[in-house]
C-alpha cells in the first residue's frame, strides 16, 4: 500500500464513517452471540455524534479511509470508560487495536486525569479477551449476564501516565 496508518482525534465529519465501520466490525460479535440487536449495531448517527461531543474519540486512518476507532470518557471518580474499539477486518491482528487503545489511554490520562481504565467485552470473544490481557487488563468481578447467550466480562488496569503519554505521542 505504501501508506502508514495515522491516529488522530475524530471530528463530527468522521461520524458517518465510524458508524459504517462499527456496523461492519460488530457483525462477527453479533454472529458469535446470535444477536443482531446488540447496541453497536443499533446505535444511531445522533447517538454517535453525542459520544463525539462528550468524550475522546480517536480514529485510525489509512490515507483518507477510517480503518479503526475507539472512544472513552472519564467518570468523576477517575475511571476511564473505554468502548467500541474497532479495526477494519482486513487490518486486524497487526497491532492497530493496541495502538488505538494506547493512544486513547494516553489522552485520557493526560487530559482527563484517568486513574484507571475500564472496558468490557463478551464472554465468548476470546480474541478480544486475549488482547486485553496482553495489554495489562485484568477481569474485575464475575461476568455480568445480559441475555441467555451473552455475559459481559469487565476488565480494568491502573493508569500509568508516563508510559501512556509516550505511547500516544509515538502513534498520533
Protein backbone atom coordinates (compact mmCIF):
# COMPACT_ATOMS: atom_id res chain seq x y z
CA UNK A 1 0.00 0.00 0.00
CA UNK A 2 2.81 2.40 0.72
CA UNK A 3 0.84 4.38 3.30
CA UNK A 4 1.07 4.25 7.06
CA UNK A 5 -1.83 4.33 9.46
CA UNK A 6 -2.16 7.54 11.47
CA UNK A 7 -4.14 8.04 14.67
CA UNK A 8 -5.90 11.32 15.38
CA UNK A 9 -8.89 12.83 17.13
CA UNK A 10 -12.18 12.19 15.35
CA UNK A 11 -14.37 15.10 14.38
CA UNK A 12 -18.05 15.37 13.53
CA UNK A 13 -17.23 14.78 9.86
CA UNK A 14 -15.95 11.29 10.77
CA UNK A 15 -19.18 10.19 12.47
CA UNK A 16 -20.80 8.51 9.48
CA UNK A 17 -17.59 6.67 8.51
CA UNK A 18 -17.10 5.48 12.11
CA UNK A 19 -20.69 4.24 12.28
CA UNK A 20 -20.34 2.31 8.99
CA UNK A 21 -17.07 0.74 10.17
CA UNK A 22 -18.65 -0.09 13.54
CA UNK A 23 -21.51 -1.86 11.77
CA UNK A 24 -19.03 -3.89 9.70
CA UNK A 25 -16.81 -4.76 12.67
CA UNK A 26 -19.59 -5.91 15.00
CA UNK A 27 -21.08 -8.42 12.54
CA UNK A 28 -18.81 -11.16 13.91
CA UNK A 29 -19.80 -10.39 17.50
CA UNK A 30 -23.48 -10.47 16.57
CA UNK A 31 -22.99 -13.84 14.86
CA UNK A 32 -21.00 -15.20 17.80
CA UNK A 33 -23.84 -14.42 20.21
CA UNK A 34 -26.72 -14.97 17.78
CA UNK A 35 -27.96 -11.42 18.43
CA UNK A 36 -28.04 -8.74 15.74
CA UNK A 37 -29.69 -6.23 18.10
CA UNK A 38 -26.52 -5.52 20.09
CA UNK A 39 -26.06 -1.81 20.76
CA UNK A 40 -23.15 -1.21 18.34
CA UNK A 41 -25.40 -2.40 15.50
CA UNK A 42 -28.39 -0.30 16.56
CA UNK A 43 -26.60 2.91 17.54
CA UNK A 44 -27.83 5.93 15.61
CA UNK A 45 -25.74 8.64 13.99
CA UNK A 46 -27.09 11.17 16.51
CA UNK A 47 -26.06 8.93 19.42
CA UNK A 48 -22.56 8.61 17.96
CA UNK A 49 -22.33 12.37 17.48
CA UNK A 50 -23.24 12.80 21.17
CA UNK A 51 -20.33 10.49 22.06
CA UNK A 52 -18.02 12.57 19.86
CA UNK A 53 -19.09 15.68 21.78
CA UNK A 54 -18.94 14.09 25.25
CA UNK A 55 -15.63 12.26 25.30
CA UNK A 56 -12.49 11.47 23.40
CA UNK A 57 -12.90 9.59 20.14
CA UNK A 58 -9.88 8.57 18.11
CA UNK A 59 -9.72 7.31 14.55
CA UNK A 60 -7.07 5.41 12.66
CA UNK A 61 -6.72 6.47 9.05
CA UNK A 62 -5.09 4.81 6.10
CA UNK A 63 -4.89 7.76 3.76
CA UNK A 64 -8.39 9.25 3.94
CA UNK A 65 -10.08 5.97 4.92
CA UNK A 66 -11.14 5.47 8.55
CA UNK A 67 -9.90 1.96 9.38
CA UNK A 68 -10.22 1.98 13.16
CA UNK A 69 -11.69 3.84 16.10
CA UNK A 70 -12.02 3.81 19.88
CA UNK A 71 -13.76 6.08 22.36
CA UNK A 72 -13.65 6.87 26.02
CA UNK A 73 -14.57 9.28 28.77
CA UNK A 74 -13.55 9.66 32.41
CA UNK A 75 -16.05 9.50 35.28
CA UNK A 76 -15.91 11.78 38.32
CA UNK A 77 -14.04 9.06 40.26
CA UNK A 78 -11.24 8.92 37.67
CA UNK A 79 -12.39 5.74 35.93
CA UNK A 80 -11.92 5.94 32.16
CA UNK A 81 -14.69 4.01 30.42
CA UNK A 82 -13.36 2.73 27.10
CA UNK A 83 -15.62 1.38 24.40
CA UNK A 84 -16.11 0.31 20.85
CA UNK A 85 -12.55 -0.46 19.87
CA UNK A 86 -12.89 -1.33 16.19
CA UNK A 87 -10.42 -2.16 13.42
CA UNK A 88 -11.35 -2.90 9.82
CA UNK A 89 -11.30 -6.70 9.31
CA UNK A 90 -8.57 -6.51 6.66
CA UNK A 91 -6.22 -4.76 9.14
CA UNK A 92 -6.94 -6.85 12.23
CA UNK A 93 -4.17 -8.77 14.01
CA UNK A 94 -1.45 -6.28 13.06
CA UNK A 95 -1.34 -4.33 16.34
CA UNK A 96 -3.60 -1.46 15.30
CA UNK A 97 -6.13 -2.16 18.07
CA UNK A 98 -3.34 -1.99 20.65
CA UNK A 99 -2.04 1.26 19.15
CA UNK A 100 -5.51 2.81 19.26
CA UNK A 101 -6.03 1.69 22.85
CA UNK A 102 -2.62 3.00 23.97
CA UNK A 103 -3.28 6.33 22.26
CA UNK A 104 -6.65 6.67 23.97
CA UNK A 105 -5.23 5.67 27.35
CA UNK A 106 -2.57 8.37 26.97
CA UNK A 107 -5.11 11.02 26.10
CA UNK A 108 -7.46 10.03 28.93
CA UNK A 109 -4.62 10.15 31.46
CA UNK A 110 -3.15 13.42 30.20
CA UNK A 111 -6.33 15.38 29.52
CA UNK A 112 -8.88 13.88 31.90
CA UNK A 113 -6.65 12.60 34.71
CA UNK A 114 -7.75 8.97 34.42
CA UNK A 115 -6.71 6.84 37.38
CA UNK A 116 -7.80 3.53 35.88
CA UNK A 117 -9.07 2.20 32.57
CA UNK A 118 -12.15 0.02 32.35
CA UNK A 119 -13.68 -1.77 29.39
CA UNK A 120 -15.83 -4.80 28.69
CA UNK A 121 -16.29 -7.47 26.08
CA UNK A 122 -18.45 -10.54 25.62
CA UNK A 123 -17.50 -13.72 27.44
CA UNK A 124 -17.08 -15.68 24.17
CA UNK A 125 -14.92 -13.02 22.50
CA UNK A 126 -11.64 -14.87 23.02
CA UNK A 127 -9.58 -12.74 20.62
CA UNK A 128 -10.64 -9.58 22.48
CA UNK A 129 -10.07 -11.13 25.90
CA UNK A 130 -6.59 -12.30 24.88
CA UNK A 131 -5.63 -8.89 23.51
CA UNK A 132 -6.87 -7.02 26.58
CA UNK A 133 -4.99 -9.38 28.91
CA UNK A 134 -1.83 -8.95 26.82
CA UNK A 135 -2.23 -5.17 27.23
CA UNK A 136 -2.41 -5.43 31.03
CA UNK A 137 -6.15 -5.60 31.67
CA UNK A 138 -7.50 -8.00 34.29
CA UNK A 139 -11.04 -9.17 34.84
CA UNK A 140 -12.86 -7.46 37.70
CA UNK A 141 -15.80 -9.23 39.29
CA UNK A 142 -17.87 -12.01 37.80
CA UNK A 143 -19.14 -11.90 34.24
CA UNK A 144 -22.37 -9.89 34.05
CA UNK A 145 -25.25 -11.79 32.40
CA UNK A 146 -27.05 -9.65 29.82
CA UNK A 147 -29.07 -12.28 27.96
CA UNK A 148 -29.21 -16.06 27.98
CA UNK A 149 -26.43 -16.07 25.38
CA UNK A 150 -24.33 -13.08 26.43
CA UNK A 151 -22.41 -12.16 29.54
CA UNK A 152 -20.09 -9.18 29.73
CA UNK A 153 -16.57 -9.51 31.11
CA UNK A 154 -15.42 -6.25 32.73
CA UNK A 155 -11.68 -5.63 32.69
CA UNK A 156 -9.55 -2.94 34.28
CA UNK A 157 -6.00 -1.73 34.65
CA UNK A 158 -4.44 1.17 36.52
CA UNK A 159 -3.39 4.27 34.63
CA UNK A 160 0.35 4.67 34.18
CA UNK A 161 0.52 8.20 32.88
CA UNK A 162 4.11 8.46 31.71
CA UNK A 163 4.10 5.32 29.57
CA UNK A 164 0.71 6.04 28.03
CA UNK A 165 1.55 9.63 27.12
CA UNK A 166 4.70 8.40 25.41
CA UNK A 167 2.70 5.77 23.52
CA UNK A 168 0.24 8.37 22.32
CA UNK A 169 2.94 10.75 21.18
CA UNK A 170 4.61 8.00 19.18
CA UNK A 171 1.42 6.95 17.41
CA UNK A 172 -0.51 10.16 16.93
